[in-house]
Amino acid sequence: MIDTDDYQRVPGLYGAWDFAMLIEEGRSYLIEDGGRTDDGQALFMVFERAAGREGRQHD
């Protein structure tokens, strides 16, 4: 199981089209549902963990 305390939220809500500008090599990400726009497009919350930071694993 992933310890979500190791991740920090990237401010804002993002559409799938935004992921290319958010994702950086060497980082880990969690993506969660963030609702929908007025016209029905899906929005997402993005959480990231810095490169080289080791996550704590739980059984």
PDB file of N, CA and C in Angstrom:
ATOM      1  N   MET A   1       0.841  -1.178   0.000  1.00  0.00           N
ATOM      2  CA  MET A   1       0.000   0.000   0.000  1.00  0.00           C
ATOM      3  C   MET A   1       0.891   1.248   0.000  1.00  0.00           C
ATOM      4  N   ILE A   2       0.485   2.252  -0.714  1.00  0.00           N
ATOM      5  CA  ILE A   2       1.244   3.501  -0.819  1.00  0.00           C
ATOM      6  C   ILE A   2       0.857   4.420   0.336  1.00  0.00           C
ATOM      7  N   ASP A   3       1.867   5.014   0.978  1.00  0.00           N
ATOM      8  CA  ASP A   3       1.616   5.987   2.035  1.00  0.00           C
ATOM      9  C   ASP A   3       1.437   7.354   1.385  1.00  0.00           C
ATOM     10  N   THR A   4       0.228   7.839   1.362  1.00  0.00           N
ATOM     11  CA  THR A   4      -0.064   9.104   0.687  1.00  0.00           C
ATOM     12  C   THR A   4       0.520  10.310   1.424  1.00  0.00           C
ATOM     13  N   ASP A   5       1.011  10.130   2.656  1.00  0.00           N
ATOM     14  CA  ASP A   5       1.656  11.229   3.376  1.00  0.00           C
ATOM     15  C   ASP A   5       2.949  11.666   2.688  1.00  0.00           C
ATOM     16  N   ASP A   6       3.508  10.806   1.841  1.00  0.00           N
ATOM     17  CA  ASP A   6       4.733  11.137   1.121  1.00  0.00           C
ATOM     18  C   ASP A   6       4.476  12.067  -0.064  1.00  0.00           C
ATOM     19  N   TYR A   7       3.231  12.317  -0.395  1.00  0.00           N
ATOM     20  CA  TYR A   7       2.871  13.109  -1.572  1.00  0.00           C
ATOM     21  C   TYR A   7       2.325  14.475  -1.161  1.00  0.00           C
ATOM     22  N   GLN A   8       2.606  15.474  -1.994  1.00  0.00           N
ATOM     23  CA  GLN A   8       2.053  16.807  -1.778  1.00  0.00           C
ATOM     24  C   GLN A   8       1.196  17.170  -2.976  1.00  0.00           C
ATOM     25  N   ARG A   9       0.096  17.832  -2.703  1.00  0.00           N
ATOM     26  CA  ARG A   9      -0.811  18.194  -3.780  1.00  0.00           C
ATOM     27  C   ARG A   9      -0.240  19.342  -4.613  1.00  0.00           C
ATOM     28  N   VAL A  10      -0.346  19.188  -5.912  1.00  0.00           N
ATOM     29  CA  VAL A  10      -0.021  20.269  -6.837  1.00  0.00           C
ATOM     30  C   VAL A  10      -1.253  21.164  -6.873  1.00  0.00           C
ATOM     31  N   PRO A  11      -1.132  22.451  -6.550  1.00  0.00           N
ATOM     32  CA  PRO A  11      -2.311  23.316  -6.492  1.00  0.00           C
ATOM     33  C   PRO A  11      -3.080  23.347  -7.820  1.00  0.00           C
ATOM     34  N   GLY A  12      -4.396  23.342  -7.708  1.00  0.00           N
ATOM     35  CA  GLY A  12      -5.247  23.454  -8.889  1.00  0.00           C
ATOM     36  C   GLY A  12      -5.929  22.152  -9.252  1.00  0.00           C
ATOM     37  N   LEU A  13      -6.788  22.238 -10.255  1.00  0.00           N
ATOM     38  CA  LEU A  13      -7.444  21.085 -10.862  1.00  0.00           C
ATOM     39  C   LEU A  13      -7.013  21.049 -12.311  1.00  0.00           C
ATOM     40  N   TYR A  14      -6.845  19.844 -12.856  1.00  0.00           N
ATOM     41  CA  TYR A  14      -6.268  19.697 -14.186  1.00  0.00           C
ATOM     42  C   TYR A  14      -7.107  18.772 -15.053  1.00  0.00           C
ATOM     43  N   GLY A  15      -7.174  19.111 -16.326  1.00  0.00           N
ATOM     44  CA  GLY A  15      -7.758  18.226 -17.318  1.00  0.00           C
ATOM     45  C   GLY A  15      -6.692  17.261 -17.805  1.00  0.00           C
ATOM     46  N   ALA A  16      -7.127  16.166 -18.436  1.00  0.00           N
ATOM     47  CA  ALA A  16      -6.168  15.189 -18.956  1.00  0.00           C
ATOM     48  C   ALA A  16      -5.184  15.835 -19.924  1.00  0.00           C
ATOM     49  N   TRP A  17      -5.622  16.857 -20.640  1.00  0.00           N
ATOM     50  CA  TRP A  17      -4.767  17.568 -21.605  1.00  0.00           C
ATOM     51  C   TRP A  17      -3.616  18.310 -20.923  1.00  0.00           C
ATOM     52  N   ASP A  18      -3.688  18.529 -19.615  1.00  0.00           N
ATOM     53  CA  ASP A  18      -2.644  19.246 -18.872  1.00  0.00           C
ATOM     54  C   ASP A  18      -1.510  18.344 -18.393  1.00  0.00           C
ATOM     55  N   PHE A  19      -1.701  17.027 -18.421  1.00  0.00           N
ATOM     56  CA  PHE A  19      -0.712  16.131 -17.822  1.00  0.00           C
ATOM     57  C   PHE A  19       0.665  16.260 -18.449  1.00  0.00           C
ATOM     58  N   ALA A  20       0.745  16.493 -19.731  1.00  0.00           N
ATOM     59  CA  ALA A  20       2.054  16.580 -20.397  1.00  0.00           C
ATOM     60  C   ALA A  20       2.918  17.692 -19.805  1.00  0.00           C
ATOM     61  N   MET A  21       2.304  18.790 -19.370  1.00  0.00           N
ATOM     62  CA  MET A  21       3.105  19.887 -18.799  1.00  0.00           C
ATOM     63  C   MET A  21       3.382  19.685 -17.307  1.00  0.00           C
ATOM     64  N   LEU A  22       2.691  18.761 -16.662  1.00  0.00           N
ATOM     65  CA  LEU A  22       2.866  18.533 -15.227  1.00  0.00           C
ATOM     66  C   LEU A  22       3.876  17.438 -14.904  1.00  0.00           C
ATOM     67  N   ILE A  23       3.927  16.421 -15.725  1.00  0.00           N
ATOM     68  CA  ILE A  23       4.703  15.231 -15.411  1.00  0.00           C
ATOM     69  C   ILE A  23       6.192  15.483 -15.669  1.00  0.00           C
ATOM     70  N   GLU A  24       7.012  15.153 -14.655  1.00  0.00           N
ATOM     71  CA  GLU A  24       8.464  15.299 -14.760  1.00  0.00           C
ATOM     72  C   GLU A  24       9.125  13.952 -14.487  1.00  0.00           C
ATOM     73  N   GLU A  25      10.195  13.702 -15.192  1.00  0.00           N
ATOM     74  CA  GLU A  25      10.939  12.467 -15.031  1.00  0.00           C
ATOM     75  C   GLU A  25      11.459  12.334 -13.603  1.00  0.00           C
ATOM     76  N   GLY A  26      11.412  11.125 -13.059  1.00  0.00           N
ATOM     77  CA  GLY A  26      11.980  10.849 -11.747  1.00  0.00           C
ATOM     78  C   GLY A  26      11.056  11.135 -10.577  1.00  0.00           C
ATOM     79  N   ARG A  27       9.834  11.570 -10.839  1.00  0.00           N
ATOM     80  CA  ARG A  27       8.868  11.833  -9.768  1.00  0.00           C
ATOM     81  C   ARG A  27       7.769  10.779  -9.817  1.00  0.00           C
ATOM     82  N   SER A  28       7.122  10.582  -8.689  1.00  0.00           N
ATOM     83  CA  SER A  28       5.966   9.692  -8.615  1.00  0.00           C
ATOM     84  C   SER A  28       4.719  10.541  -8.451  1.00  0.00           C
ATOM     85  N   TYR A  29       3.626  10.081  -9.023  1.00  0.00           N
ATOM     86  CA  TYR A  29       2.379  10.849  -8.998  1.00  0.00           C
ATOM     87  C   TYR A  29       1.206   9.986  -8.576  1.00  0.00           C
ATOM     88  N   LEU A  30       0.256  10.623  -7.923  1.00  0.00           N
ATOM     89  CA  LEU A  30      -1.062  10.056  -7.662  1.00  0.00           C
ATOM     90  C   LEU A  30      -2.067  10.981  -8.323  1.00  0.00           C
ATOM     91  N   ILE A  31      -3.046  10.413  -8.987  1.00  0.00           N
ATOM     92  CA  ILE A  31      -4.075  11.187  -9.676  1.00  0.00           C
ATOM     93  C   ILE A  31      -5.423  10.779  -9.094  1.00  0.00           C
ATOM     94  N   GLU A  32      -6.225  11.778  -8.699  1.00  0.00           N
ATOM     95  CA  GLU A  32      -7.547  11.502  -8.136  1.00  0.00           C
ATOM     96  C   GLU A  32      -8.598  12.342  -8.838  1.00  0.00           C
ATOM     97  N   ASP A  33      -9.815  11.849  -8.809  1.00  0.00           N
ATOM     98  CA  ASP A  33     -10.948  12.559  -9.399  1.00  0.00           C
ATOM     99  C   ASP A  33     -11.112  13.916  -8.738  1.00  0.00           C
ATOM    100  N   GLY A  34     -11.276  14.951  -9.552  1.00  0.00           N
ATOM    101  CA  GLY A  34     -11.451  16.300  -9.024  1.00  0.00           C
ATOM    102  C   GLY A  34     -12.752  16.940  -9.448  1.00  0.00           C
ATOM    103  N   GLY A  35     -13.654  16.151 -10.039  1.00  0.00           N
ATOM    104  CA  GLY A  35     -14.953  16.678 -10.462  1.00  0.00           C
ATOM    105  C   GLY A  35     -15.013  16.891 -11.966  1.00  0.00           C
ATOM    106  N   ARG A  36     -15.896  17.812 -12.374  1.00  0.00           N
ATOM    107  CA  ARG A  36     -16.100  18.087 -13.796  1.00  0.00           C
ATOM    108  C   ARG A  36     -16.289  19.577 -14.023  1.00  0.00           C
ATOM    109  N   THR A  37     -15.965  20.024 -15.235  1.00  0.00           N
ATOM    110  CA  THR A  37     -16.206  21.408 -15.623  1.00  0.00           C
ATOM    111  C   THR A  37     -17.698  21.579 -15.908  1.00  0.00           C
ATOM    112  N   ASP A  38     -18.115  22.808 -16.134  1.00  0.00           N
ATOM    113  CA  ASP A  38     -19.517  23.065 -16.461  1.00  0.00           C
ATOM    114  C   ASP A  38     -19.971  22.336 -17.716  1.00  0.00           C
ATOM    115  N   ASP A  39     -19.033  22.104 -18.643  1.00  0.00           N
ATOM    116  CA  ASP A  39     -19.412  21.403 -19.871  1.00  0.00           C
ATOM    117  C   ASP A  39     -19.139  19.899 -19.812  1.00  0.00           C
ATOM    118  N   GLY A  40     -18.821  19.377 -18.618  1.00  0.00           N
ATOM    119  CA  GLY A  40     -18.716  17.934 -18.426  1.00  0.00           C
ATOM    120  C   GLY A  40     -17.339  17.320 -18.575  1.00  0.00           C
ATOM    121  N   GLN A  41     -16.308  18.122 -18.814  1.00  0.00           N
ATOM    122  CA  GLN A  41     -14.951  17.581 -18.931  1.00  0.00           C
ATOM    123  C   GLN A  41     -14.425  17.167 -17.556  1.00  0.00           C
ATOM    124  N   ALA A  42     -13.789  16.016 -17.492  1.00  0.00           N
ATOM    125  CA  ALA A  42     -13.236  15.507 -16.230  1.00  0.00           C
ATOM    126  C   ALA A  42     -12.074  16.370 -15.761  1.00  0.00           C
ATOM    127  N   LEU A  43     -12.016  16.602 -14.454  1.00  0.00           N
ATOM    128  CA  LEU A  43     -10.908  17.316 -13.819  1.00  0.00           C
ATOM    129  C   LEU A  43     -10.254  16.384 -12.801  1.00  0.00           C
ATOM    130  N   PHE A  44      -8.972  16.600 -12.578  1.00  0.00           N
ATOM    131  CA  PHE A  44      -8.214  15.732 -11.695  1.00  0.00           C
ATOM    132  C   PHE A  44      -7.372  16.538 -10.718  1.00  0.00           C
ATOM    133  N   MET A  45      -7.191  15.971  -9.515  1.00  0.00           N
ATOM    134  CA  MET A  45      -6.240  16.486  -8.539  1.00  0.00           C
ATOM    135  C   MET A  45      -4.954  15.691  -8.729  1.00  0.00           C
ATOM    136  N   VAL A  46      -3.819  16.375  -8.667  1.00  0.00           N
ATOM    137  CA  VAL A  46      -2.524  15.731  -8.871  1.00  0.00           C
ATOM    138  C   VAL A  46      -1.712  15.874  -7.594  1.00  0.00           C
ATOM    139  N   PHE A  47      -1.134  14.769  -7.157  1.00  0.00           N
ATOM    140  CA  PHE A  47      -0.245  14.742  -6.001  1.00  0.00           C
ATOM    141  C   PHE A  47       1.095  14.219  -6.484  1.00  0.00           C
ATOM    142  N   GLU A  48       2.207  14.822  -6.008  1.00  0.00           N
ATOM    143  CA  GLU A  48       3.526  14.389  -6.460  1.00  0.00           C
ATOM    144  C   GLU A  48       4.448  14.115  -5.289  1.00  0.00           C
ATOM    145  N   ARG A  49       5.428  13.262  -5.567  1.00  0.00           N
ATOM    146  CA  ARG A  49       6.504  12.977  -4.622  1.00  0.00           C
ATOM    147  C   ARG A  49       7.810  13.269  -5.346  1.00  0.00           C
ATOM    148  N   ALA A  50       8.686  13.991  -4.704  1.00  0.00           N
ATOM    149  CA  ALA A  50       9.940  14.427  -5.327  1.00  0.00           C
ATOM    150  C   ALA A  50      10.822  13.237  -5.697  1.00  0.00           C
ATOM    151  N   ALA A  51      11.666  13.453  -6.681  1.00  0.00           N
ATOM    152  CA  ALA A  51      12.614  12.437  -7.129  1.00  0.00           C
ATOM    153  C   ALA A  51      13.522  12.016  -5.989  1.00  0.00           C
ATOM    154  N   GLY A  52      13.787  10.716  -5.895  1.00  0.00           N
ATOM    155  CA  GLY A  52      14.712  10.206  -4.896  1.00  0.00           C
ATOM    156  C   GLY A  52      14.138  10.048  -3.505  1.00  0.00           C
ATOM    157  N   ARG A  53      12.920  10.497  -3.292  1.00  0.00           N
ATOM    158  CA  ARG A  53      12.310  10.346  -1.965  1.00  0.00           C
ATOM    159  C   ARG A  53      11.691   8.970  -1.871  1.00  0.00           C
ATOM    160  N   GLU A  54      12.124   8.216  -0.906  1.00  0.00           N
ATOM    161  CA  GLU A  54      11.644   6.854  -0.773  1.00  0.00           C
ATOM    162  C   GLU A  54      10.339   6.827  -0.010  1.00  0.00           C
ATOM    163  N   GLY A  55       9.357   6.150  -0.577  1.00  0.00           N
ATOM    164  CA  GLY A  55       8.072   6.013   0.085  1.00  0.00           C
ATOM    165  C   GLY A  55       8.116   4.938   1.148  1.00  0.00           C
ATOM    166  N   ARG A  56       7.281   5.090   2.128  1.00  0.00           N
ATOM    167  CA  ARG A  56       7.160   4.078   3.169  1.00  0.00           C
ATOM    168  C   ARG A  56       6.126   3.065   2.726  1.00  0.00           C
ATOM    169  N   GLN A  57       6.495   1.816   2.738  1.00  0.00           N
ATOM    170  CA  GLN A  57       5.588   0.752   2.311  1.00  0.00           C
ATOM    171  C   GLN A  57       4.902   0.141   3.528  1.00  0.00           C
ATOM    172  N   HIS A  58       3.634  -0.168   3.366  1.00  0.00           N
ATOM    173  CA  HIS A  58       2.861  -0.822   4.421  1.00  0.00           C
ATOM    174  C   HIS A  58       2.312  -2.123   3.887  1.00  0.00           C
ATOM    175  N   ASP A  59       2.148  -3.101   4.763  1.00  0.00           N
ATOM    176  CA  ASP A  59       1.556  -4.380   4.360  1.00  0.00           C
ATOM    177  C   ASP A  59       0.063  -4.344   4.502  1.00  0.00           C
TER     178      ASP A  59
END
